[in-house]
Full PDB file with SEQRES, HELIX, SHEET, SSBOND, CRYST1, ORIGX, SCALE, CONECT and MASTER records, all heavy atoms in Angstrom:
SEQRES   1 A   33  GLN ALA GLN ILE LEU GLU LEU ILE ARG GLU THR GLN GLU          
SEQRES   2 A   33  GLU THR GLY ALA ALA LEU MET LEU ILE THR HIS ASP LEU          
SEQRES   3 A   33  GLY VAL VAL ALA GLU MET VAL                                  
HELIX    1 AA1 ALA A    2  THR A   15  1                                  14    
HELIX    2 AA2 LEU A   26  MET A   32  1                                   7    
CRYST1    1.000    1.000    1.000  90.00  90.00  90.00 P 1           1          
ORIGX1      1.000000  0.000000  0.000000        0.00000                         
ORIGX2      0.000000  1.000000  0.000000        0.00000                         
ORIGX3      0.000000  0.000000  1.000000        0.00000                         
SCALE1      1.000000  0.000000  0.000000        0.00000                         
SCALE2      0.000000  1.000000  0.000000        0.00000                         
SCALE3      0.000000  0.000000  1.000000        0.00000                         
ATOM      1  N   GLN A   1       9.486   6.735  -2.092  1.00  0.00           N  
ATOM      2  CA  GLN A   1       8.502   5.607  -2.531  1.00  0.00           C  
ATOM      3  C   GLN A   1       8.237   4.784  -1.254  1.00  0.00           C  
ATOM      4  O   GLN A   1       7.081   4.538  -0.964  1.00  0.00           O  
ATOM      5  CB  GLN A   1       9.110   4.820  -3.580  1.00  0.00           C  
ATOM      6  CG  GLN A   1       9.072   5.511  -4.996  1.00  0.00           C  
ATOM      7  CD  GLN A   1       9.484   4.554  -6.055  1.00  0.00           C  
ATOM      8  OE1 GLN A   1       9.463   3.368  -5.896  1.00  0.00           O  
ATOM      9  NE2 GLN A   1      10.029   5.086  -7.126  1.00  0.00           N  
ATOM     10  N   ALA A   2       9.279   4.329  -0.613  1.00  0.00           N  
ATOM     11  CA  ALA A   2       9.035   3.408   0.482  1.00  0.00           C  
ATOM     12  C   ALA A   2       8.312   4.031   1.579  1.00  0.00           C  
ATOM     13  O   ALA A   2       7.409   3.450   2.250  1.00  0.00           O  
ATOM     14  CB  ALA A   2      10.468   2.950   1.043  1.00  0.00           C  
ATOM     15  N   GLN A   3       8.588   5.288   1.938  1.00  0.00           N  
ATOM     16  CA  GLN A   3       7.894   6.081   2.922  1.00  0.00           C  
ATOM     17  C   GLN A   3       6.375   6.269   2.564  1.00  0.00           C  
ATOM     18  O   GLN A   3       5.453   6.056   3.425  1.00  0.00           O  
ATOM     19  CB  GLN A   3       8.512   7.445   3.153  1.00  0.00           C  
ATOM     20  CG  GLN A   3       9.920   7.385   3.739  1.00  0.00           C  
ATOM     21  CD  GLN A   3      10.549   8.807   3.746  1.00  0.00           C  
ATOM     22  OE1 GLN A   3       9.939   9.766   3.325  1.00  0.00           O  
ATOM     23  NE2 GLN A   3      11.745   8.785   4.250  1.00  0.00           N  
ATOM     24  N   ILE A   4       6.115   6.541   1.345  1.00  0.00           N  
ATOM     25  CA  ILE A   4       4.678   6.723   0.878  1.00  0.00           C  
ATOM     26  C   ILE A   4       3.925   5.509   1.034  1.00  0.00           C  
ATOM     27  O   ILE A   4       2.754   5.399   1.500  1.00  0.00           O  
ATOM     28  CB  ILE A   4       4.587   7.310  -0.580  1.00  0.00           C  
ATOM     29  CG1 ILE A   4       5.223   8.715  -0.622  1.00  0.00           C  
ATOM     30  CG2 ILE A   4       3.175   7.306  -1.042  1.00  0.00           C  
ATOM     31  CD1 ILE A   4       4.465   9.745   0.206  1.00  0.00           C  
ATOM     32  N   LEU A   5       4.489   4.359   0.530  1.00  0.00           N  
ATOM     33  CA  LEU A   5       3.814   3.034   0.599  1.00  0.00           C  
ATOM     34  C   LEU A   5       3.564   2.594   2.050  1.00  0.00           C  
ATOM     35  O   LEU A   5       2.497   2.049   2.363  1.00  0.00           O  
ATOM     36  CB  LEU A   5       4.635   1.992  -0.129  1.00  0.00           C  
ATOM     37  CG  LEU A   5       4.751   2.175  -1.630  1.00  0.00           C  
ATOM     38  CD1 LEU A   5       5.697   1.213  -2.260  1.00  0.00           C  
ATOM     39  CD2 LEU A   5       3.357   1.999  -2.310  1.00  0.00           C  
ATOM     40  N   GLU A   6       4.600   2.795   2.960  1.00  0.00           N  
ATOM     41  CA  GLU A   6       4.368   2.484   4.369  1.00  0.00           C  
ATOM     42  C   GLU A   6       3.329   3.357   4.987  1.00  0.00           C  
ATOM     43  O   GLU A   6       2.556   2.812   5.727  1.00  0.00           O  
ATOM     44  CB  GLU A   6       5.712   2.680   5.011  1.00  0.00           C  
ATOM     45  CG  GLU A   6       5.666   2.273   6.542  1.00  0.00           C  
ATOM     46  CD  GLU A   6       5.374   0.823   6.724  1.00  0.00           C  
ATOM     47  OE1 GLU A   6       5.629   0.006   5.830  1.00  0.00           O  
ATOM     48  OE2 GLU A   6       4.822   0.406   7.830  1.00  0.00           O  
ATOM     49  N   LEU A   7       3.316   4.546   4.542  1.00  0.00           N  
ATOM     50  CA  LEU A   7       2.187   5.490   5.093  1.00  0.00           C  
ATOM     51  C   LEU A   7       0.837   5.041   4.615  1.00  0.00           C  
ATOM     52  O   LEU A   7      -0.133   4.945   5.491  1.00  0.00           O  
ATOM     53  CB  LEU A   7       2.501   6.868   4.511  1.00  0.00           C  
ATOM     54  CG  LEU A   7       1.345   7.994   4.746  1.00  0.00           C  
ATOM     55  CD1 LEU A   7       1.160   8.116   6.205  1.00  0.00           C  
ATOM     56  CD2 LEU A   7       1.767   9.312   4.058  1.00  0.00           C  
ATOM     57  N   ILE A   8       0.694   4.591   3.359  1.00  0.00           N  
ATOM     58  CA  ILE A   8      -0.660   4.139   2.819  1.00  0.00           C  
ATOM     59  C   ILE A   8      -0.961   2.867   3.672  1.00  0.00           C  
ATOM     60  O   ILE A   8      -2.208   2.715   4.049  1.00  0.00           O  
ATOM     61  CB  ILE A   8      -0.583   3.842   1.380  1.00  0.00           C  
ATOM     62  CG1 ILE A   8      -0.351   5.122   0.581  1.00  0.00           C  
ATOM     63  CG2 ILE A   8      -1.795   3.065   0.917  1.00  0.00           C  
ATOM     64  CD1 ILE A   8      -0.201   4.933  -0.849  1.00  0.00           C  
ATOM     65  N   ARG A   9      -0.068   1.941   3.890  1.00  0.00           N  
ATOM     66  CA  ARG A   9      -0.306   0.766   4.588  1.00  0.00           C  
ATOM     67  C   ARG A   9      -0.755   1.040   6.030  1.00  0.00           C  
ATOM     68  O   ARG A   9      -1.738   0.448   6.610  1.00  0.00           O  
ATOM     69  CB  ARG A   9       0.880  -0.233   4.583  1.00  0.00           C  
ATOM     70  CG  ARG A   9       0.641  -1.461   5.404  1.00  0.00           C  
ATOM     71  CD  ARG A   9       1.602  -2.578   5.061  1.00  0.00           C  
ATOM     72  NE  ARG A   9       2.875  -2.200   4.718  1.00  0.00           N  
ATOM     73  CZ  ARG A   9       3.729  -2.994   4.040  1.00  0.00           C  
ATOM     74  NH1 ARG A   9       3.294  -4.132   3.595  1.00  0.00           N  
ATOM     75  NH2 ARG A   9       4.945  -2.621   3.733  1.00  0.00           N  
ATOM     76  N   GLU A  10      -0.068   1.902   6.716  1.00  0.00           N  
ATOM     77  CA  GLU A  10      -0.421   2.187   8.135  1.00  0.00           C  
ATOM     78  C   GLU A  10      -1.784   2.917   8.233  1.00  0.00           C  
ATOM     79  O   GLU A  10      -2.537   2.477   9.087  1.00  0.00           O  
ATOM     80  CB  GLU A  10       0.667   3.257   8.671  1.00  0.00           C  
ATOM     81  CG  GLU A  10       2.078   2.550   8.962  1.00  0.00           C  
ATOM     82  CD  GLU A  10       3.040   3.562   9.391  1.00  0.00           C  
ATOM     83  OE1 GLU A  10       2.774   4.761   9.499  1.00  0.00           O  
ATOM     84  OE2 GLU A  10       4.179   3.088   9.683  1.00  0.00           O  
ATOM     85  N   THR A  11      -2.079   3.832   7.364  1.00  0.00           N  
ATOM     86  CA  THR A  11      -3.345   4.541   7.412  1.00  0.00           C  
ATOM     87  C   THR A  11      -4.513   3.509   7.101  1.00  0.00           C  
ATOM     88  O   THR A  11      -5.609   3.613   7.649  1.00  0.00           O  
ATOM     89  CB  THR A  11      -3.420   5.694   6.477  1.00  0.00           C  
ATOM     90  OG1 THR A  11      -3.007   5.366   5.186  1.00  0.00           O  
ATOM     91  CG2 THR A  11      -2.469   6.836   6.961  1.00  0.00           C  
ATOM     92  N   GLN A  12      -4.209   2.611   6.157  1.00  0.00           N  
ATOM     93  CA  GLN A  12      -5.311   1.634   5.849  1.00  0.00           C  
ATOM     94  C   GLN A  12      -5.486   0.797   7.126  1.00  0.00           C  
ATOM     95  O   GLN A  12      -6.710   0.464   7.358  1.00  0.00           O  
ATOM     96  CB  GLN A  12      -4.789   0.733   4.689  1.00  0.00           C  
ATOM     97  CG  GLN A  12      -5.832  -0.247   4.227  1.00  0.00           C  
ATOM     98  CD  GLN A  12      -5.211  -1.299   3.281  1.00  0.00           C  
ATOM     99  OE1 GLN A  12      -3.980  -1.365   3.066  1.00  0.00           O  
ATOM    100  NE2 GLN A  12      -6.069  -2.102   2.689  1.00  0.00           N  
ATOM    101  N   GLU A  13      -4.483   0.340   7.761  1.00  0.00           N  
ATOM    102  CA  GLU A  13      -4.609  -0.511   8.995  1.00  0.00           C  
ATOM    103  C   GLU A  13      -5.355   0.223  10.086  1.00  0.00           C  
ATOM    104  O   GLU A  13      -6.198  -0.279  10.810  1.00  0.00           O  
ATOM    105  CB  GLU A  13      -3.267  -0.988   9.487  1.00  0.00           C  
ATOM    106  CG  GLU A  13      -2.703  -1.996   8.519  1.00  0.00           C  
ATOM    107  CD  GLU A  13      -1.262  -2.355   8.934  1.00  0.00           C  
ATOM    108  OE1 GLU A  13      -0.743  -1.704   9.939  1.00  0.00           O  
ATOM    109  OE2 GLU A  13      -0.630  -3.261   8.369  1.00  0.00           O  
ATOM    110  N   GLU A  14      -5.114   1.525  10.220  1.00  0.00           N  
ATOM    111  CA  GLU A  14      -5.730   2.393  11.269  1.00  0.00           C  
ATOM    112  C   GLU A  14      -7.192   2.580  10.999  1.00  0.00           C  
ATOM    113  O   GLU A  14      -8.013   2.556  11.922  1.00  0.00           O  
ATOM    114  CB  GLU A  14      -5.073   3.726  11.310  1.00  0.00           C  
ATOM    115  CG  GLU A  14      -3.606   3.697  11.829  1.00  0.00           C  
ATOM    116  CD  GLU A  14      -3.011   5.098  11.816  1.00  0.00           C  
ATOM    117  OE1 GLU A  14      -3.715   6.062  11.433  1.00  0.00           O  
ATOM    118  OE2 GLU A  14      -1.804   5.178  12.161  1.00  0.00           O  
ATOM    119  N   THR A  15      -7.642   2.750   9.785  1.00  0.00           N  
ATOM    120  CA  THR A  15      -8.967   3.093   9.397  1.00  0.00           C  
ATOM    121  C   THR A  15      -9.799   1.866   8.989  1.00  0.00           C  
ATOM    122  O   THR A  15     -11.027   1.967   8.958  1.00  0.00           O  
ATOM    123  CB  THR A  15      -9.080   4.162   8.350  1.00  0.00           C  
ATOM    124  OG1 THR A  15      -8.430   3.591   7.085  1.00  0.00           O  
ATOM    125  CG2 THR A  15      -8.284   5.392   8.740  1.00  0.00           C  
ATOM    126  N   GLY A  16      -9.123   0.755   8.639  1.00  0.00           N  
ATOM    127  CA  GLY A  16      -9.855  -0.411   8.105  1.00  0.00           C  
ATOM    128  C   GLY A  16     -10.279  -0.263   6.733  1.00  0.00           C  
ATOM    129  O   GLY A  16     -11.292  -1.032   6.313  1.00  0.00           O  
ATOM    130  N   ALA A  17      -9.829   0.672   6.025  1.00  0.00           N  
ATOM    131  CA  ALA A  17     -10.305   0.923   4.616  1.00  0.00           C  
ATOM    132  C   ALA A  17      -9.768  -0.178   3.691  1.00  0.00           C  
ATOM    133  O   ALA A  17      -8.713  -0.812   3.904  1.00  0.00           O  
ATOM    134  CB  ALA A  17      -9.758   2.282   4.069  1.00  0.00           C  
ATOM    135  N   ALA A  18     -10.533  -0.427   2.569  1.00  0.00           N  
ATOM    136  CA  ALA A  18     -10.072  -1.341   1.567  1.00  0.00           C  
ATOM    137  C   ALA A  18      -9.145  -0.472   0.610  1.00  0.00           C  
ATOM    138  O   ALA A  18      -9.449   0.792   0.549  1.00  0.00           O  
ATOM    139  CB  ALA A  18     -11.297  -1.895   0.781  1.00  0.00           C  
ATOM    140  N   LEU A  19      -8.307  -1.100  -0.105  1.00  0.00           N  
ATOM    141  CA  LEU A  19      -7.323  -0.383  -0.929  1.00  0.00           C  
ATOM    142  C   LEU A  19      -7.305  -1.094  -2.349  1.00  0.00           C  
ATOM    143  O   LEU A  19      -7.187  -2.287  -2.430  1.00  0.00           O  
ATOM    144  CB  LEU A  19      -5.995  -0.352  -0.309  1.00  0.00           C  
ATOM    145  CG  LEU A  19      -4.819   0.180  -1.198  1.00  0.00           C  
ATOM    146  CD1 LEU A  19      -5.081   1.685  -1.447  1.00  0.00           C  
ATOM    147  CD2 LEU A  19      -3.465  -0.032  -0.548  1.00  0.00           C  
ATOM    148  N   MET A  20      -7.427  -0.298  -3.401  1.00  0.00           N  
ATOM    149  CA  MET A  20      -7.205  -0.730  -4.743  1.00  0.00           C  
ATOM    150  C   MET A  20      -5.925  -0.004  -5.226  1.00  0.00           C  
ATOM    151  O   MET A  20      -5.874   1.165  -5.389  1.00  0.00           O  
ATOM    152  CB  MET A  20      -8.398  -0.381  -5.675  1.00  0.00           C  
ATOM    153  CG  MET A  20      -8.253  -0.743  -7.058  1.00  0.00           C  
ATOM    154  SD  MET A  20      -9.753  -0.400  -8.020  1.00  0.00           S  
ATOM    155  CE  MET A  20      -9.175  -0.724  -9.726  1.00  0.00           C  
ATOM    156  N   LEU A  21      -4.863  -0.758  -5.437  1.00  0.00           N  
ATOM    157  CA  LEU A  21      -3.547  -0.201  -5.713  1.00  0.00           C  
ATOM    158  C   LEU A  21      -3.229  -0.490  -7.138  1.00  0.00           C  
ATOM    159  O   LEU A  21      -2.985  -1.644  -7.561  1.00  0.00           O  
ATOM    160  CB  LEU A  21      -2.507  -0.823  -4.777  1.00  0.00           C  
ATOM    161  CG  LEU A  21      -1.026  -0.299  -5.006  1.00  0.00           C  
ATOM    162  CD1 LEU A  21      -0.874   1.177  -4.789  1.00  0.00           C  
ATOM    163  CD2 LEU A  21      -0.070  -1.115  -4.119  1.00  0.00           C  
ATOM    164  N   ILE A  22      -3.150   0.573  -7.936  1.00  0.00           N  
ATOM    165  CA  ILE A  22      -2.757   0.410  -9.338  1.00  0.00           C  
ATOM    166  C   ILE A  22      -1.263   0.722  -9.523  1.00  0.00           C  
ATOM    167  O   ILE A  22      -0.831   1.729  -9.100  1.00  0.00           O  
ATOM    168  CB  ILE A  22      -3.603   1.428 -10.151  1.00  0.00           C  
ATOM    169  CG1 ILE A  22      -5.147   1.151 -10.102  1.00  0.00           C  
ATOM    170  CG2 ILE A  22      -3.142   1.448 -11.673  1.00  0.00           C  
ATOM    171  CD1 ILE A  22      -5.968   2.177 -10.694  1.00  0.00           C  
ATOM    172  N   THR A  23      -0.527  -0.197 -10.085  1.00  0.00           N  
ATOM    173  CA  THR A  23       0.908   0.003 -10.209  1.00  0.00           C  
ATOM    174  C   THR A  23       1.471  -0.888 -11.279  1.00  0.00           C  
ATOM    175  O   THR A  23       0.802  -1.808 -11.778  1.00  0.00           O  
ATOM    176  CB  THR A  23       1.565  -0.405  -8.926  1.00  0.00           C  
ATOM    177  OG1 THR A  23       3.008  -0.142  -8.966  1.00  0.00           O  
ATOM    178  CG2 THR A  23       1.364  -1.818  -8.505  1.00  0.00           C  
ATOM    179  N   HIS A  24       2.657  -0.515 -11.762  1.00  0.00           N  
ATOM    180  CA  HIS A  24       3.334  -1.430 -12.715  1.00  0.00           C  
ATOM    181  C   HIS A  24       4.567  -2.094 -11.997  1.00  0.00           C  
ATOM    182  O   HIS A  24       5.289  -2.865 -12.630  1.00  0.00           O  
ATOM    183  CB  HIS A  24       3.887  -0.561 -13.850  1.00  0.00           C  
ATOM    184  CG  HIS A  24       4.931   0.480 -13.468  1.00  0.00           C  
ATOM    185  ND1 HIS A  24       4.557   1.658 -12.997  1.00  0.00           N  
ATOM    186  CD2 HIS A  24       6.241   0.451 -13.374  1.00  0.00           C  
ATOM    187  CE1 HIS A  24       5.638   2.399 -12.608  1.00  0.00           C  
ATOM    188  NE2 HIS A  24       6.737   1.626 -12.907  1.00  0.00           N  
ATOM    189  N   ASP A  25       4.735  -1.759 -10.699  1.00  0.00           N  
ATOM    190  CA  ASP A  25       5.890  -2.238  -9.985  1.00  0.00           C  
ATOM    191  C   ASP A  25       5.443  -3.551  -9.153  1.00  0.00           C  
ATOM    192  O   ASP A  25       4.713  -3.492  -8.239  1.00  0.00           O  
ATOM    193  CB  ASP A  25       6.300  -1.234  -9.027  1.00  0.00           C  
ATOM    194  CG  ASP A  25       7.641  -1.545  -8.326  1.00  0.00           C  
ATOM    195  OD1 ASP A  25       7.926  -2.722  -8.063  1.00  0.00           O  
ATOM    196  OD2 ASP A  25       8.418  -0.564  -8.000  1.00  0.00           O  
ATOM    197  N   LEU A  26       5.964  -4.674  -9.657  1.00  0.00           N  
ATOM    198  CA  LEU A  26       5.584  -5.959  -9.055  1.00  0.00           C  
ATOM    199  C   LEU A  26       6.190  -6.141  -7.625  1.00  0.00           C  
ATOM    200  O   LEU A  26       5.718  -6.996  -6.845  1.00  0.00           O  
ATOM    201  CB  LEU A  26       6.026  -7.149  -9.968  1.00  0.00           C  
ATOM    202  CG  LEU A  26       5.288  -7.151 -11.301  1.00  0.00           C  
ATOM    203  CD1 LEU A  26       5.750  -8.289 -12.175  1.00  0.00           C  
ATOM    204  CD2 LEU A  26       3.746  -7.222 -11.147  1.00  0.00           C  
ATOM    205  N   GLY A  27       7.268  -5.399  -7.313  1.00  0.00           N  
ATOM    206  CA  GLY A  27       7.819  -5.411  -6.016  1.00  0.00           C  
ATOM    207  C   GLY A  27       6.856  -4.789  -5.072  1.00  0.00           C  
ATOM    208  O   GLY A  27       6.679  -5.305  -3.915  1.00  0.00           O  
ATOM    209  N   VAL A  28       6.240  -3.738  -5.449  1.00  0.00           N  
ATOM    210  CA  VAL A  28       5.198  -3.102  -4.593  1.00  0.00           C  
ATOM    211  C   VAL A  28       4.009  -4.055  -4.412  1.00  0.00           C  
ATOM    212  O   VAL A  28       3.466  -4.183  -3.224  1.00  0.00           O  
ATOM    213  CB  VAL A  28       4.735  -1.765  -5.292  1.00  0.00           C  
ATOM    214  CG1 VAL A  28       3.454  -1.214  -4.515  1.00  0.00           C  
ATOM    215  CG2 VAL A  28       5.787  -0.775  -5.210  1.00  0.00           C  
ATOM    216  N   VAL A  29       3.621  -4.742  -5.437  1.00  0.00           N  
ATOM    217  CA  VAL A  29       2.501  -5.680  -5.311  1.00  0.00           C  
ATOM    218  C   VAL A  29       2.849  -6.828  -4.371  1.00  0.00           C  
ATOM    219  O   VAL A  29       1.983  -7.162  -3.531  1.00  0.00           O  
ATOM    220  CB  VAL A  29       2.258  -6.320  -6.714  1.00  0.00           C  
ATOM    221  CG1 VAL A  29       1.297  -7.544  -6.606  1.00  0.00           C  
ATOM    222  CG2 VAL A  29       1.704  -5.288  -7.706  1.00  0.00           C  
ATOM    223  N   ALA A  30       4.090  -7.242  -4.327  1.00  0.00           N  
ATOM    224  CA  ALA A  30       4.393  -8.336  -3.437  1.00  0.00           C  
ATOM    225  C   ALA A  30       4.357  -7.944  -1.976  1.00  0.00           C  
ATOM    226  O   ALA A  30       3.954  -8.684  -1.054  1.00  0.00           O  
ATOM    227  CB  ALA A  30       5.912  -8.793  -3.710  1.00  0.00           C  
ATOM    228  N   GLU A  31       4.683  -6.659  -1.687  1.00  0.00           N  
ATOM    229  CA  GLU A  31       4.669  -6.112  -0.363  1.00  0.00           C  
ATOM    230  C   GLU A  31       3.284  -5.592   0.094  1.00  0.00           C  
ATOM    231  O   GLU A  31       3.092  -5.676   1.374  1.00  0.00           O  
ATOM    232  CB  GLU A  31       5.704  -4.994  -0.264  1.00  0.00           C  
ATOM    233  CG  GLU A  31       7.103  -5.439  -0.525  1.00  0.00           C  
ATOM    234  CD  GLU A  31       8.087  -4.248  -0.434  1.00  0.00           C  
ATOM    235  OE1 GLU A  31       7.627  -3.160  -0.010  1.00  0.00           O  
ATOM    236  OE2 GLU A  31       9.232  -4.405  -0.778  1.00  0.00           O  
ATOM    237  N   MET A  32       2.444  -5.219  -0.775  1.00  0.00           N  
ATOM    238  CA  MET A  32       1.223  -4.484  -0.354  1.00  0.00           C  
ATOM    239  C   MET A  32      -0.040  -5.194  -0.503  1.00  0.00           C  
ATOM    240  O   MET A  32      -1.024  -4.901   0.244  1.00  0.00           O  
ATOM    241  CB  MET A  32       1.253  -3.134  -1.186  1.00  0.00           C  
ATOM    242  CG  MET A  32       2.321  -2.204  -0.874  1.00  0.00           C  
ATOM    243  SD  MET A  32       2.099  -1.308   0.690  1.00  0.00           S  
ATOM    244  CE  MET A  32       0.676  -0.299   0.334  1.00  0.00           C  
ATOM    245  N   VAL A  33      -0.159  -6.154  -1.407  1.00  0.00           N  
ATOM    246  CA  VAL A  33      -1.586  -6.585  -1.803  1.00  0.00           C  
ATOM    247  C   VAL A  33      -1.862  -7.955  -1.318  1.00  0.00           C  
ATOM    248  O   VAL A  33      -0.968  -8.754  -1.075  1.00  0.00           O  
ATOM    249  CB  VAL A  33      -1.844  -6.433  -3.332  1.00  0.00           C  
ATOM    250  CG1 VAL A  33      -1.301  -5.043  -3.792  1.00  0.00           C  
ATOM    251  CG2 VAL A  33      -1.138  -7.538  -4.085  1.00  0.00           C  
TER     252      VAL A  33                                                      
MASTER        0    0    0    2    0    0    0    6  251    1    0    3          
END                                                                             
């Protein structure tokens, strides 16, 4: 999980894409959005 989330964050930063993250995990929300 941690690897996948870090990967999404890195690729978003590289490409400048916007991200809509759907989740039930509020810990993920705190780190990502």
